[in-house]
Amino acid sequence: METIAHLKRGEKGIIGNYSTELIPVKLQELGCLPGNEVQLIQLSPFKDLLYLNINGSFFAIRKETAALIEIAKVA
């Protein structure tokens, strides 16, 4: 199972299923929904935050949260 936390800089994926109880509502409001494309833009210096682009929304999430969201990588 690959998750957003497995993405390398510049890679893209399509968000799959995840538990809505574990993901903050704010992320869902920003477009972190199944079927949307996600791209890893940058990692923080200590690699604990991931800066993402999801359907034109740019924001950072913690690696622990990213590890809960399944994806299918896009070539």
PDB file of N, CA and C in Angstrom:
ATOM      1  N   MET A   1       0.847  -1.176   0.000  1.00  0.00           N
ATOM      2  CA  MET A   1       0.000   0.000   0.000  1.00  0.00           C
ATOM      3  C   MET A   1       0.898   1.247   0.000  1.00  0.00           C
ATOM      4  N   GLU A   2       0.751   2.077  -1.022  1.00  0.00           N
ATOM      5  CA  GLU A   2       1.504   3.321  -1.080  1.00  0.00           C
ATOM      6  C   GLU A   2       0.645   4.449  -0.545  1.00  0.00           C
ATOM      7  N   THR A   3       1.315   5.393   0.123  1.00  0.00           N
ATOM      8  CA  THR A   3       0.622   6.535   0.698  1.00  0.00           C
ATOM      9  C   THR A   3       1.288   7.824   0.223  1.00  0.00           C
ATOM     10  N   ILE A   4       0.697   8.953   0.571  1.00  0.00           N
ATOM     11  CA  ILE A   4       1.303  10.236   0.226  1.00  0.00           C
ATOM     12  C   ILE A   4       2.706  10.335   0.817  1.00  0.00           C
ATOM     13  N   ALA A   5       2.935   9.735   1.972  1.00  0.00           N
ATOM     14  CA  ALA A   5       4.250   9.780   2.623  1.00  0.00           C
ATOM     15  C   ALA A   5       5.325   9.084   1.789  1.00  0.00           C
ATOM     16  N   HIS A   6       4.941   8.210   0.849  1.00  0.00           N
ATOM     17  CA  HIS A   6       5.908   7.506   0.004  1.00  0.00           C
ATOM     18  C   HIS A   6       6.310   8.304  -1.231  1.00  0.00           C
ATOM     19  N   LEU A   7       5.643   9.414  -1.517  1.00  0.00           N
ATOM     20  CA  LEU A   7       5.972  10.204  -2.698  1.00  0.00           C
ATOM     21  C   LEU A   7       7.349  10.844  -2.560  1.00  0.00           C
ATOM     22  N   LYS A   8       8.047  10.921  -3.687  1.00  0.00           N
ATOM     23  CA  LYS A   8       9.305  11.662  -3.741  1.00  0.00           C
ATOM     24  C   LYS A   8       9.016  13.019  -4.364  1.00  0.00           C
ATOM     25  N   ARG A   9       9.905  13.958  -4.189  1.00  0.00           N
ATOM     26  CA  ARG A   9       9.717  15.324  -4.679  1.00  0.00           C
ATOM     27  C   ARG A   9       9.382  15.322  -6.180  1.00  0.00           C
ATOM     28  N   GLY A  10       8.273  15.969  -6.530  1.00  0.00           N
ATOM     29  CA  GLY A  10       7.834  16.065  -7.916  1.00  0.00           C
ATOM     30  C   GLY A  10       6.900  14.958  -8.364  1.00  0.00           C
ATOM     31  N   GLU A  11       6.811  13.864  -7.614  1.00  0.00           N
ATOM     32  CA  GLU A  11       5.939  12.756  -7.996  1.00  0.00           C
ATOM     33  C   GLU A  11       4.474  13.088  -7.747  1.00  0.00           C
ATOM     34  N   LYS A  12       3.609  12.422  -8.526  1.00  0.00           N
ATOM     35  CA  LYS A  12       2.173  12.631  -8.405  1.00  0.00           C
ATOM     36  C   LYS A  12       1.481  11.308  -8.119  1.00  0.00           C
ATOM     37  N   GLY A  13       0.298  11.422  -7.540  1.00  0.00           N
ATOM     38  CA  GLY A  13      -0.516  10.257  -7.277  1.00  0.00           C
ATOM     39  C   GLY A  13      -1.986  10.632  -7.253  1.00  0.00           C
ATOM     40  N   ILE A  14      -2.832   9.631  -7.346  1.00  0.00           N
ATOM     41  CA  ILE A  14      -4.278   9.812  -7.240  1.00  0.00           C
ATOM     42  C   ILE A  14      -4.697   9.293  -5.868  1.00  0.00           C
ATOM     43  N   ILE A  15      -5.390  10.131  -5.128  1.00  0.00           N
ATOM     44  CA  ILE A  15      -5.808   9.766  -3.776  1.00  0.00           C
ATOM     45  C   ILE A  15      -6.822   8.642  -3.833  1.00  0.00           C
ATOM     46  N   GLY A  16      -6.600   7.639  -3.001  1.00  0.00           N
ATOM     47  CA  GLY A  16      -7.509   6.505  -2.886  1.00  0.00           C
ATOM     48  C   GLY A  16      -8.338   6.630  -1.624  1.00  0.00           C
ATOM     49  N   ASN A  17      -8.657   5.497  -1.045  1.00  0.00           N
ATOM     50  CA  ASN A  17      -9.487   5.480   0.155  1.00  0.00           C
ATOM     51  C   ASN A  17      -8.680   5.799   1.404  1.00  0.00           C
ATOM     52  N   TYR A  18      -9.370   6.341   2.393  1.00  0.00           N
ATOM     53  CA  TYR A  18      -8.787   6.579   3.706  1.00  0.00           C
ATOM     54  C   TYR A  18      -9.935   6.684   4.706  1.00  0.00           C
ATOM     55  N   SER A  19      -9.589   6.560   5.966  1.00  0.00           N
ATOM     56  CA  SER A  19     -10.585   6.650   7.031  1.00  0.00           C
ATOM     57  C   SER A  19     -10.886   8.115   7.331  1.00  0.00           C
ATOM     58  N   THR A  20     -12.122   8.531   7.139  1.00  0.00           N
ATOM     59  CA  THR A  20     -12.484   9.930   7.365  1.00  0.00           C
ATOM     60  C   THR A  20     -12.383  10.316   8.839  1.00  0.00           C
ATOM     61  N   GLU A  21     -12.384   9.346   9.737  1.00  0.00           N
ATOM     62  CA  GLU A  21     -12.241   9.658  11.161  1.00  0.00           C
ATOM     63  C   GLU A  21     -10.813  10.069  11.507  1.00  0.00           C
ATOM     64  N   LEU A  22      -9.824   9.604  10.725  1.00  0.00           N
ATOM     65  CA  LEU A  22      -8.419   9.869  11.026  1.00  0.00           C
ATOM     66  C   LEU A  22      -7.875  11.104  10.328  1.00  0.00           C
ATOM     67  N   ILE A  23      -8.546  11.574   9.284  1.00  0.00           N
ATOM     68  CA  ILE A  23      -8.080  12.715   8.505  1.00  0.00           C
ATOM     69  C   ILE A  23      -8.841  13.965   8.932  1.00  0.00           C
ATOM     70  N   PRO A  24      -8.140  15.058   9.236  1.00  0.00           N
ATOM     71  CA  PRO A  24      -8.830  16.286   9.643  1.00  0.00           C
ATOM     72  C   PRO A  24      -9.797  16.788   8.565  1.00  0.00           C
ATOM     73  N   VAL A  25     -10.938  17.310   8.997  1.00  0.00           N
ATOM     74  CA  VAL A  25     -11.951  17.828   8.083  1.00  0.00           C
ATOM     75  C   VAL A  25     -11.371  18.940   7.205  1.00  0.00           C
ATOM     76  N   LYS A  26     -10.473  19.743   7.750  1.00  0.00           N
ATOM     77  CA  LYS A  26      -9.873  20.840   6.990  1.00  0.00           C
ATOM     78  C   LYS A  26      -9.165  20.324   5.734  1.00  0.00           C
ATOM     79  N   LEU A  27      -8.482  19.179   5.823  1.00  0.00           N
ATOM     80  CA  LEU A  27      -7.831  18.607   4.645  1.00  0.00           C
ATOM     81  C   LEU A  27      -8.850  18.214   3.585  1.00  0.00           C
ATOM     82  N   GLN A  28      -9.962  17.673   4.021  1.00  0.00           N
ATOM     83  CA  GLN A  28     -11.014  17.291   3.075  1.00  0.00           C
ATOM     84  C   GLN A  28     -11.601  18.532   2.412  1.00  0.00           C
ATOM     85  N   GLU A  29     -11.761  19.606   3.169  1.00  0.00           N
ATOM     86  CA  GLU A  29     -12.282  20.853   2.615  1.00  0.00           C
ATOM     87  C   GLU A  29     -11.312  21.463   1.601  1.00  0.00           C
ATOM     88  N   LEU A  30     -10.010  21.237   1.779  1.00  0.00           N
ATOM     89  CA  LEU A  30      -9.006  21.766   0.857  1.00  0.00           C
ATOM     90  C   LEU A  30      -8.864  20.913  -0.408  1.00  0.00           C
ATOM     91  N   GLY A  31      -9.588  19.802  -0.483  1.00  0.00           N
ATOM     92  CA  GLY A  31      -9.576  18.985  -1.689  1.00  0.00           C
ATOM     93  C   GLY A  31      -8.912  17.637  -1.555  1.00  0.00           C
ATOM     94  N   CYS A  32      -8.540  17.252  -0.363  1.00  0.00           N
ATOM     95  CA  CYS A  32      -7.920  15.950  -0.146  1.00  0.00           C
ATOM     96  C   CYS A  32      -9.023  14.893  -0.117  1.00  0.00           C
ATOM     97  N   LEU A  33      -9.507  14.561  -1.314  1.00  0.00           N
ATOM     98  CA  LEU A  33     -10.623  13.641  -1.470  1.00  0.00           C
ATOM     99  C   LEU A  33     -10.255  12.535  -2.451  1.00  0.00           C
ATOM    100  N   PRO A  34     -10.839  11.343  -2.308  1.00  0.00           N
ATOM    101  CA  PRO A  34     -10.551  10.252  -3.247  1.00  0.00           C
ATOM    102  C   PRO A  34     -10.785  10.686  -4.694  1.00  0.00           C
ATOM    103  N   GLY A  35      -9.828  10.314  -5.557  1.00  0.00           N
ATOM    104  CA  GLY A  35      -9.914  10.639  -6.972  1.00  0.00           C
ATOM    105  C   GLY A  35      -9.164  11.898  -7.369  1.00  0.00           C
ATOM    106  N   ASN A  36      -8.789  12.742  -6.421  1.00  0.00           N
ATOM    107  CA  ASN A  36      -8.049  13.966  -6.730  1.00  0.00           C
ATOM    108  C   ASN A  36      -6.553  13.664  -6.838  1.00  0.00           C
ATOM    109  N   GLU A  37      -5.875  14.471  -7.655  1.00  0.00           N
ATOM    110  CA  GLU A  37      -4.442  14.302  -7.862  1.00  0.00           C
ATOM    111  C   GLU A  37      -3.655  15.075  -6.806  1.00  0.00           C
ATOM    112  N   VAL A  38      -2.597  14.452  -6.305  1.00  0.00           N
ATOM    113  CA  VAL A  38      -1.723  15.072  -5.314  1.00  0.00           C
ATOM    114  C   VAL A  38      -0.293  15.045  -5.841  1.00  0.00           C
ATOM    115  N   GLN A  39       0.454  16.123  -5.614  1.00  0.00           N
ATOM    116  CA  GLN A  39       1.859  16.191  -6.001  1.00  0.00           C
ATOM    117  C   GLN A  39       2.676  16.689  -4.821  1.00  0.00           C
ATOM    118  N   LEU A  40       3.791  16.022  -4.562  1.00  0.00           N
ATOM    119  CA  LEU A  40       4.710  16.468  -3.518  1.00  0.00           C
ATOM    120  C   LEU A  40       5.605  17.548  -4.100  1.00  0.00           C
ATOM    121  N   ILE A  41       5.504  18.748  -3.558  1.00  0.00           N
ATOM    122  CA  ILE A  41       6.285  19.885  -4.029  1.00  0.00           C
ATOM    123  C   ILE A  41       7.631  19.942  -3.321  1.00  0.00           C
ATOM    124  N   GLN A  42       7.604  19.789  -1.994  1.00  0.00           N
ATOM    125  CA  GLN A  42       8.838  19.949  -1.225  1.00  0.00           C
ATOM    126  C   GLN A  42       8.694  19.280   0.137  1.00  0.00           C
ATOM    127  N   LEU A  43       9.825  18.881   0.712  1.00  0.00           N
ATOM    128  CA  LEU A  43       9.883  18.360   2.075  1.00  0.00           C
ATOM    129  C   LEU A  43      10.525  19.409   2.970  1.00  0.00           C
ATOM    130  N   SER A  44      10.111  19.448   4.226  1.00  0.00           N
ATOM    131  CA  SER A  44      10.746  20.364   5.175  1.00  0.00           C
ATOM    132  C   SER A  44      12.165  19.859   5.465  1.00  0.00           C
ATOM    133  N   PRO A  45      13.033  20.702   6.030  1.00  0.00           N
ATOM    134  CA  PRO A  45      14.421  20.294   6.283  1.00  0.00           C
ATOM    135  C   PRO A  45      14.558  19.015   7.111  1.00  0.00           C
ATOM    136  N   PHE A  46      13.680  18.797   8.066  1.00  0.00           N
ATOM    137  CA  PHE A  46      13.761  17.585   8.892  1.00  0.00           C
ATOM    138  C   PHE A  46      12.830  16.489   8.402  1.00  0.00           C
ATOM    139  N   LYS A  47      12.225  16.690   7.231  1.00  0.00           N
ATOM    140  CA  LYS A  47      11.361  15.709   6.552  1.00  0.00           C
ATOM    141  C   LYS A  47      10.153  15.295   7.387  1.00  0.00           C
ATOM    142  N   ASP A  48       9.689  16.172   8.283  1.00  0.00           N
ATOM    143  CA  ASP A  48       8.495  15.852   9.059  1.00  0.00           C
ATOM    144  C   ASP A  48       7.244  16.498   8.472  1.00  0.00           C
ATOM    145  N   LEU A  49       7.411  17.478   7.580  1.00  0.00           N
ATOM    146  CA  LEU A  49       6.283  18.118   6.898  1.00  0.00           C
ATOM    147  C   LEU A  49       6.427  17.937   5.398  1.00  0.00           C
ATOM    148  N   LEU A  50       5.289  17.716   4.723  1.00  0.00           N
ATOM    149  CA  LEU A  50       5.269  17.583   3.271  1.00  0.00           C
ATOM    150  C   LEU A  50       4.444  18.728   2.700  1.00  0.00           C
ATOM    151  N   TYR A  51       5.010  19.453   1.751  1.00  0.00           N
ATOM    152  CA  TYR A  51       4.324  20.552   1.084  1.00  0.00           C
ATOM    153  C   TYR A  51       3.712  19.991  -0.182  1.00  0.00           C
ATOM    154  N   LEU A  52       2.378  20.032  -0.279  1.00  0.00           N
ATOM    155  CA  LEU A  52       1.635  19.363  -1.341  1.00  0.00           C
ATOM    156  C   LEU A  52       0.841  20.327  -2.201  1.00  0.00           C
ATOM    157  N   ASN A  53       0.540  19.875  -3.422  1.00  0.00           N
ATOM    158  CA  ASN A  53      -0.403  20.537  -4.307  1.00  0.00           C
ATOM    159  C   ASN A  53      -1.508  19.528  -4.581  1.00  0.00           C
ATOM    160  N   ILE A  54      -2.704  19.856  -4.118  1.00  0.00           N
ATOM    161  CA  ILE A  54      -3.856  19.008  -4.398  1.00  0.00           C
ATOM    162  C   ILE A  54      -4.882  19.870  -5.111  1.00  0.00           C
ATOM    163  N   ASN A  55      -5.049  19.607  -6.422  1.00  0.00           N
ATOM    164  CA  ASN A  55      -6.009  20.352  -7.251  1.00  0.00           C
ATOM    165  C   ASN A  55      -5.865  21.863  -7.115  1.00  0.00           C
ATOM    166  N   GLY A  56      -4.638  22.357  -7.107  1.00  0.00           N
ATOM    167  CA  GLY A  56      -4.402  23.794  -7.055  1.00  0.00           C
ATOM    168  C   GLY A  56      -4.342  24.384  -5.656  1.00  0.00           C
ATOM    169  N   SER A  57      -4.592  23.587  -4.636  1.00  0.00           N
ATOM    170  CA  SER A  57      -4.446  24.039  -3.253  1.00  0.00           C
ATOM    171  C   SER A  57      -3.072  23.613  -2.750  1.00  0.00           C
ATOM    172  N   PHE A  58      -2.308  24.561  -2.242  1.00  0.00           N
ATOM    173  CA  PHE A  58      -0.975  24.280  -1.722  1.00  0.00           C
ATOM    174  C   PHE A  58      -1.005  24.364  -0.204  1.00  0.00           C
ATOM    175  N   PHE A  59      -0.546  23.297   0.453  1.00  0.00           N
ATOM    176  CA  PHE A  59      -0.494  23.288   1.912  1.00  0.00           C
ATOM    177  C   PHE A  59       0.462  22.210   2.393  1.00  0.00           C
ATOM    178  N   ALA A  60       0.806  22.270   3.666  1.00  0.00           N
ATOM    179  CA  ALA A  60       1.717  21.303   4.276  1.00  0.00           C
ATOM    180  C   ALA A  60       0.952  20.434   5.263  1.00  0.00           C
ATOM    181  N   ILE A  61       1.319  19.152   5.294  1.00  0.00           N
ATOM    182  CA  ILE A  61       0.745  18.235   6.284  1.00  0.00           C
ATOM    183  C   ILE A  61       1.884  17.441   6.917  1.00  0.00           C
ATOM    184  N   ARG A  62       1.625  16.917   8.085  1.00  0.00           N
ATOM    185  CA  ARG A  62       2.614  16.110   8.787  1.00  0.00           C
ATOM    186  C   ARG A  62       2.743  14.740   8.111  1.00  0.00           C
ATOM    187  N   LYS A  63       3.929  14.174   8.218  1.00  0.00           N
ATOM    188  CA  LYS A  63       4.194  12.882   7.597  1.00  0.00           C
ATOM    189  C   LYS A  63       3.291  11.791   8.178  1.00  0.00           C
ATOM    190  N   GLU A  64       2.966  11.886   9.469  1.00  0.00           N
ATOM    191  CA  GLU A  64       2.091  10.881  10.091  1.00  0.00           C
ATOM    192  C   GLU A  64       0.700  10.895   9.444  1.00  0.00           C
ATOM    193  N   THR A  65       0.194  12.075   9.135  1.00  0.00           N
ATOM    194  CA  THR A  65      -1.108  12.191   8.483  1.00  0.00           C
ATOM    195  C   THR A  65      -1.017  11.701   7.045  1.00  0.00           C
ATOM    196  N   ALA A  66       0.059  12.057   6.343  1.00  0.00           N
ATOM    197  CA  ALA A  66       0.252  11.623   4.950  1.00  0.00           C
ATOM    198  C   ALA A  66       0.310  10.109   4.844  1.00  0.00           C
ATOM    199  N   ALA A  67       0.819   9.448   5.863  1.00  0.00           N
ATOM    200  CA  ALA A  67       0.934   7.995   5.851  1.00  0.00           C
ATOM    201  C   ALA A  67      -0.430   7.300   5.965  1.00  0.00           C
ATOM    202  N   LEU A  68      -1.481   8.032   6.287  1.00  0.00           N
ATOM    203  CA  LEU A  68      -2.823   7.461   6.420  1.00  0.00           C
ATOM    204  C   LEU A  68      -3.639   7.551   5.125  1.00  0.00           C
ATOM    205  N   ILE A  69      -3.117   8.263   4.114  1.00  0.00           N
ATOM    206  CA  ILE A  69      -3.864   8.507   2.880  1.00  0.00           C
ATOM    207  C   ILE A  69      -3.257   7.691   1.751  1.00  0.00           C
ATOM    208  N   GLU A  70      -3.994   6.682   1.291  1.00  0.00           N
ATOM    209  CA  GLU A  70      -3.522   5.805   0.218  1.00  0.00           C
ATOM    210  C   GLU A  70      -3.574   6.530  -1.126  1.00  0.00           C
ATOM    211  N   ILE A  71      -2.610   6.178  -1.986  1.00  0.00           N
ATOM    212  CA  ILE A  71      -2.571   6.744  -3.339  1.00  0.00           C
ATOM    213  C   ILE A  71      -2.205   5.675  -4.353  1.00  0.00           C
ATOM    214  N   ALA A  72      -2.444   5.984  -5.620  1.00  0.00           N
ATOM    215  CA  ALA A  72      -1.917   5.211  -6.748  1.00  0.00           C
ATOM    216  C   ALA A  72      -1.012   6.173  -7.508  1.00  0.00           C
ATOM    217  N   LYS A  73       0.265   5.841  -7.644  1.00  0.00           N
ATOM    218  CA  LYS A  73       1.214   6.740  -8.299  1.00  0.00           C
ATOM    219  C   LYS A  73       0.865   6.927  -9.770  1.00  0.00           C
ATOM    220  N   VAL A  74       1.132   8.146 -10.268  1.00  0.00           N
ATOM    221  CA  VAL A  74       0.909   8.501 -11.668  1.00  0.00           C
ATOM    222  C   VAL A  74       2.272   8.654 -12.319  1.00  0.00           C
ATOM    223  N   ALA A  75       2.415   8.097 -13.506  1.00  0.00           N
ATOM    224  CA  ALA A  75       3.707   8.185 -14.212  1.00  0.00           C
ATOM    225  C   ALA A  75       3.984   9.571 -14.737  1.00  0.00           C
TER     226      ALA A  75
END
